[in-house]
Amino acid sequence: MAAFEDRRLGDLAAQLRQDDPRFARALETGSPCRPREYRHGVAWLLLAVALGGFVLGIVVGHGLLIAGGLVLAGLAAHLFDPDRGRVRQGIARTSE
């Protein structure tokens, strides 16, 4: 491998360690771990609760339950965003 390719691989490894340290440690030790973009357990749970509240609000005919279900669905959708940590820190996404 050429020196510039080694440098690019080192840069990629450093970026990975900065973006998702848990995943980088798992790669180094050889134990499997999902990348941050695919860890959505809380988001799915919140989305299920939101859907349940929304459907219950429609069945019962209660506007507050419908509104609460929609708000919770919006919160769950925000949790599915893979770049929410970067947006919070003010780091722009670059496409190279």
N, C-alpha and C. Protein backbone atom coordinates (compact mmCIF):
# COMPACT_ATOMS: atom_id res chain seq x y z
N MET A 1 0.84 -1.17 0.00
CA MET A 1 0.00 0.00 0.00
C MET A 1 0.89 1.24 0.00
N ALA A 2 0.46 2.24 -0.72
CA ALA A 2 1.23 3.48 -0.77
C ALA A 2 1.04 4.26 0.52
N ALA A 3 1.97 5.19 0.74
CA ALA A 3 1.94 5.96 1.99
C ALA A 3 0.68 6.80 2.10
N PHE A 4 0.21 7.38 0.99
CA PHE A 4 -0.99 8.22 1.06
C PHE A 4 -2.23 7.39 1.37
N GLU A 5 -2.23 6.11 0.94
CA GLU A 5 -3.36 5.24 1.26
C GLU A 5 -3.37 4.90 2.75
N ASP A 6 -2.18 4.68 3.31
CA ASP A 6 -2.08 4.44 4.75
C ASP A 6 -2.56 5.64 5.54
N ARG A 7 -2.21 6.82 5.07
CA ARG A 7 -2.62 8.05 5.75
C ARG A 7 -4.15 8.20 5.68
N ARG A 8 -4.73 7.89 4.52
CA ARG A 8 -6.19 8.00 4.39
C ARG A 8 -6.89 7.00 5.30
N LEU A 9 -6.36 5.78 5.40
CA LEU A 9 -6.94 4.79 6.30
C LEU A 9 -6.82 5.23 7.75
N GLY A 10 -5.69 5.82 8.09
CA GLY A 10 -5.51 6.34 9.45
C GLY A 10 -6.48 7.47 9.75
N ASP A 11 -6.71 8.33 8.75
CA ASP A 11 -7.68 9.42 8.93
C ASP A 11 -9.09 8.88 9.11
N LEU A 12 -9.42 7.84 8.33
CA LEU A 12 -10.75 7.23 8.48
C LEU A 12 -10.92 6.59 9.86
N ALA A 13 -9.88 5.92 10.33
CA ALA A 13 -9.95 5.29 11.65
C ALA A 13 -10.10 6.35 12.75
N ALA A 14 -9.37 7.45 12.62
CA ALA A 14 -9.48 8.52 13.61
C ALA A 14 -10.87 9.14 13.59
N GLN A 15 -11.43 9.33 12.40
CA GLN A 15 -12.79 9.89 12.29
C GLN A 15 -13.82 8.94 12.90
N LEU A 16 -13.63 7.63 12.67
CA LEU A 16 -14.55 6.65 13.25
C LEU A 16 -14.47 6.66 14.76
N ARG A 17 -13.24 6.73 15.31
CA ARG A 17 -13.10 6.81 16.77
C ARG A 17 -13.77 8.04 17.34
N GLN A 18 -13.73 9.14 16.60
CA GLN A 18 -14.35 10.37 17.08
C GLN A 18 -15.87 10.30 16.97
N ASP A 19 -16.37 9.75 15.87
CA ASP A 19 -17.81 9.71 15.64
C ASP A 19 -18.52 8.70 16.53
N ASP A 20 -17.98 7.50 16.63
CA ASP A 20 -18.65 6.44 17.38
C ASP A 20 -17.61 5.62 18.14
N PRO A 21 -17.18 6.10 19.33
CA PRO A 21 -16.13 5.39 20.06
C PRO A 21 -16.50 3.96 20.47
N ARG A 22 -17.76 3.74 20.77
CA ARG A 22 -18.19 2.40 21.17
C ARG A 22 -18.01 1.41 20.02
N PHE A 23 -18.38 1.80 18.82
CA PHE A 23 -18.23 0.94 17.65
C PHE A 23 -16.75 0.72 17.33
N ALA A 24 -15.94 1.77 17.46
CA ALA A 24 -14.50 1.65 17.18
C ALA A 24 -13.84 0.68 18.16
N ARG A 25 -14.20 0.76 19.45
CA ARG A 25 -13.65 -0.17 20.43
C ARG A 25 -14.07 -1.61 20.11
N ALA A 26 -15.32 -1.78 19.67
CA ALA A 26 -15.80 -3.11 19.33
C ALA A 26 -15.04 -3.68 18.13
N LEU A 27 -14.71 -2.84 17.16
CA LEU A 27 -13.92 -3.31 16.03
C LEU A 27 -12.51 -3.70 16.47
N GLU A 28 -11.92 -2.93 17.36
CA GLU A 28 -10.57 -3.23 17.83
C GLU A 28 -10.50 -4.53 18.62
N THR A 29 -11.52 -4.80 19.43
CA THR A 29 -11.52 -6.01 20.26
C THR A 29 -12.08 -7.22 19.53
N GLY A 30 -12.76 -7.00 18.41
CA GLY A 30 -13.32 -8.11 17.65
C GLY A 30 -14.69 -8.55 18.12
N SER A 31 -15.31 -7.81 19.03
CA SER A 31 -16.66 -8.15 19.50
C SER A 31 -17.67 -7.32 18.71
N PRO A 32 -18.72 -7.96 18.21
CA PRO A 32 -19.67 -7.23 17.37
C PRO A 32 -20.47 -6.19 18.14
N CYS A 33 -20.74 -5.10 17.49
CA CYS A 33 -21.54 -4.01 18.05
C CYS A 33 -22.15 -3.24 16.90
N ARG A 34 -23.38 -2.84 17.05
CA ARG A 34 -24.02 -2.06 16.00
C ARG A 34 -23.48 -0.64 15.97
N PRO A 35 -23.34 -0.08 14.79
CA PRO A 35 -22.97 1.34 14.70
C PRO A 35 -24.09 2.20 15.26
N ARG A 36 -23.76 3.41 15.64
CA ARG A 36 -24.73 4.33 16.25
C ARG A 36 -25.95 4.54 15.36
N GLU A 37 -25.75 4.53 14.04
CA GLU A 37 -26.86 4.78 13.13
C GLU A 37 -27.94 3.71 13.20
N TYR A 38 -27.58 2.53 13.71
CA TYR A 38 -28.53 1.43 13.75
C TYR A 38 -29.00 1.09 15.16
N ARG A 39 -28.65 1.87 16.14
CA ARG A 39 -29.13 1.66 17.50
C ARG A 39 -30.34 2.54 17.74
N HIS A 40 -31.51 1.97 17.58
CA HIS A 40 -32.74 2.75 17.69
C HIS A 40 -33.75 2.11 18.64
N GLY A 41 -33.31 1.41 19.66
CA GLY A 41 -34.23 0.71 20.55
C GLY A 41 -35.22 1.64 21.23
N VAL A 42 -34.73 2.75 21.77
CA VAL A 42 -35.61 3.70 22.47
C VAL A 42 -36.55 4.36 21.48
N ALA A 43 -36.06 4.65 20.29
CA ALA A 43 -36.89 5.31 19.29
C ALA A 43 -38.06 4.41 18.87
N TRP A 44 -37.79 3.11 18.68
CA TRP A 44 -38.88 2.21 18.31
C TRP A 44 -39.90 2.08 19.44
N LEU A 45 -39.43 2.02 20.68
CA LEU A 45 -40.35 1.94 21.81
C LEU A 45 -41.22 3.19 21.90
N LEU A 46 -40.60 4.36 21.74
CA LEU A 46 -41.35 5.61 21.78
C LEU A 46 -42.34 5.70 20.63
N LEU A 47 -41.94 5.20 19.45
CA LEU A 47 -42.84 5.21 18.30
C LEU A 47 -44.04 4.29 18.53
N ALA A 48 -43.81 3.13 19.17
CA ALA A 48 -44.92 2.21 19.48
C ALA A 48 -45.88 2.84 20.48
N VAL A 49 -45.36 3.51 21.49
CA VAL A 49 -46.22 4.19 22.47
C VAL A 49 -47.00 5.30 21.80
N ALA A 50 -46.35 6.04 20.90
CA ALA A 50 -47.02 7.13 20.19
C ALA A 50 -48.15 6.60 19.32
N LEU A 51 -47.88 5.51 18.61
CA LEU A 51 -48.91 4.92 17.76
C LEU A 51 -50.08 4.40 18.60
N GLY A 52 -49.75 3.79 19.74
CA GLY A 52 -50.82 3.32 20.63
C GLY A 52 -51.67 4.47 21.16
N GLY A 53 -51.02 5.54 21.57
CA GLY A 53 -51.77 6.71 22.05
C GLY A 53 -52.60 7.36 20.96
N PHE A 54 -52.05 7.41 19.76
CA PHE A 54 -52.77 8.00 18.63
C PHE A 54 -54.01 7.18 18.27
N VAL A 55 -53.84 5.86 18.18
CA VAL A 55 -54.97 4.99 17.84
C VAL A 55 -56.01 5.01 18.96
N LEU A 56 -55.57 4.99 20.20
CA LEU A 56 -56.51 5.06 21.31
C LEU A 56 -57.27 6.38 21.29
N GLY A 57 -56.58 7.47 20.96
CA GLY A 57 -57.24 8.76 20.87
C GLY A 57 -58.28 8.80 19.77
N ILE A 58 -58.01 8.13 18.65
CA ILE A 58 -59.00 8.08 17.56
C ILE A 58 -60.20 7.22 17.97
N VAL A 59 -59.92 6.07 18.59
CA VAL A 59 -61.01 5.17 18.99
C VAL A 59 -61.89 5.83 20.03
N VAL A 60 -61.29 6.46 21.03
CA VAL A 60 -62.05 7.08 22.11
C VAL A 60 -62.63 8.41 21.67
N GLY A 61 -61.98 9.05 20.72
CA GLY A 61 -62.44 10.35 20.26
C GLY A 61 -61.95 11.48 21.15
N HIS A 62 -60.74 11.35 21.67
CA HIS A 62 -60.18 12.33 22.59
C HIS A 62 -59.02 13.05 21.89
N GLY A 63 -59.20 14.34 21.69
CA GLY A 63 -58.22 15.12 20.95
C GLY A 63 -56.87 15.23 21.62
N LEU A 64 -56.85 15.24 22.95
CA LEU A 64 -55.58 15.35 23.66
C LEU A 64 -54.71 14.10 23.46
N LEU A 65 -55.32 12.94 23.42
CA LEU A 65 -54.57 11.71 23.15
C LEU A 65 -54.03 11.70 21.72
N ILE A 66 -54.84 12.18 20.78
CA ILE A 66 -54.38 12.25 19.39
C ILE A 66 -53.19 13.20 19.29
N ALA A 67 -53.29 14.37 19.90
CA ALA A 67 -52.20 15.34 19.86
C ALA A 67 -50.96 14.80 20.56
N GLY A 68 -51.14 14.15 21.69
CA GLY A 68 -50.00 13.56 22.40
C GLY A 68 -49.32 12.48 21.59
N GLY A 69 -50.11 11.66 20.90
CA GLY A 69 -49.53 10.63 20.04
C GLY A 69 -48.74 11.23 18.89
N LEU A 70 -49.24 12.31 18.33
CA LEU A 70 -48.52 12.97 17.23
C LEU A 70 -47.22 13.61 17.72
N VAL A 71 -47.26 14.20 18.90
CA VAL A 71 -46.04 14.82 19.45
C VAL A 71 -45.01 13.75 19.75
N LEU A 72 -45.43 12.65 20.36
CA LEU A 72 -44.49 11.56 20.65
C LEU A 72 -43.93 10.95 19.36
N ALA A 73 -44.74 10.87 18.32
CA ALA A 73 -44.25 10.37 17.05
C ALA A 73 -43.18 11.30 16.48
N GLY A 74 -43.36 12.59 16.65
CA GLY A 74 -42.35 13.55 16.21
C GLY A 74 -41.06 13.40 16.99
N LEU A 75 -41.16 13.18 18.29
CA LEU A 75 -39.96 12.95 19.10
C LEU A 75 -39.24 11.67 18.68
N ALA A 76 -40.01 10.63 18.40
CA ALA A 76 -39.40 9.38 17.96
C ALA A 76 -38.72 9.56 16.61
N ALA A 77 -39.33 10.32 15.71
CA ALA A 77 -38.71 10.56 14.41
C ALA A 77 -37.39 11.30 14.57
N HIS A 78 -37.33 12.20 15.52
CA HIS A 78 -36.08 12.92 15.79
C HIS A 78 -34.99 11.96 16.27
N LEU A 79 -35.37 10.96 17.05
CA LEU A 79 -34.39 9.99 17.56
C LEU A 79 -33.84 9.08 16.46
N PHE A 80 -34.56 8.94 15.35
CA PHE A 80 -34.09 8.12 14.24
C PHE A 80 -33.04 8.83 13.39
N ASP A 81 -32.84 10.12 13.57
CA ASP A 81 -31.88 10.88 12.77
C ASP A 81 -30.45 10.49 13.15
N PRO A 82 -29.65 9.95 12.22
CA PRO A 82 -28.30 9.52 12.57
C PRO A 82 -27.34 10.67 12.83
N ASP A 83 -27.64 11.87 12.36
CA ASP A 83 -26.74 13.01 12.53
C ASP A 83 -27.19 13.97 13.61
N ARG A 84 -28.07 13.54 14.51
CA ARG A 84 -28.58 14.48 15.51
C ARG A 84 -27.50 14.95 16.47
N GLY A 85 -26.49 14.13 16.73
CA GLY A 85 -25.38 14.54 17.59
C GLY A 85 -24.54 15.62 16.94
N ARG A 86 -24.32 15.48 15.65
CA ARG A 86 -23.54 16.49 14.93
C ARG A 86 -24.31 17.79 14.82
N VAL A 87 -25.60 17.71 14.61
CA VAL A 87 -26.42 18.93 14.52
C VAL A 87 -26.41 19.65 15.85
N ARG A 88 -26.49 18.90 16.94
CA ARG A 88 -26.49 19.50 18.27
C ARG A 88 -25.16 20.20 18.54
N GLN A 89 -24.06 19.64 18.05
CA GLN A 89 -22.75 20.23 18.27
C GLN A 89 -22.41 21.30 17.25
N GLY A 90 -23.23 21.44 16.21
CA GLY A 90 -22.97 22.46 15.19
C GLY A 90 -21.97 22.05 14.15
N ILE A 91 -21.73 20.75 13.98
CA ILE A 91 -20.79 20.26 12.99
C ILE A 91 -21.55 20.00 11.70
N ALA A 92 -21.09 20.59 10.62
CA ALA A 92 -21.75 20.42 9.34
C ALA A 92 -21.40 19.06 8.74
N ARG A 93 -22.34 18.48 8.03
CA ARG A 93 -22.11 17.20 7.37
C ARG A 93 -21.40 17.46 6.05
N THR A 94 -20.32 16.74 5.83
CA THR A 94 -19.59 16.88 4.57
C THR A 94 -19.75 15.62 3.75
N SER A 95 -19.92 15.79 2.46
CA SER A 95 -20.04 14.62 1.58
C SER A 95 -18.84 14.61 0.65
N GLU A 96 -17.92 13.72 0.95
CA GLU A 96 -16.71 13.59 0.14
C GLU A 96 -16.67 12.27 -0.53
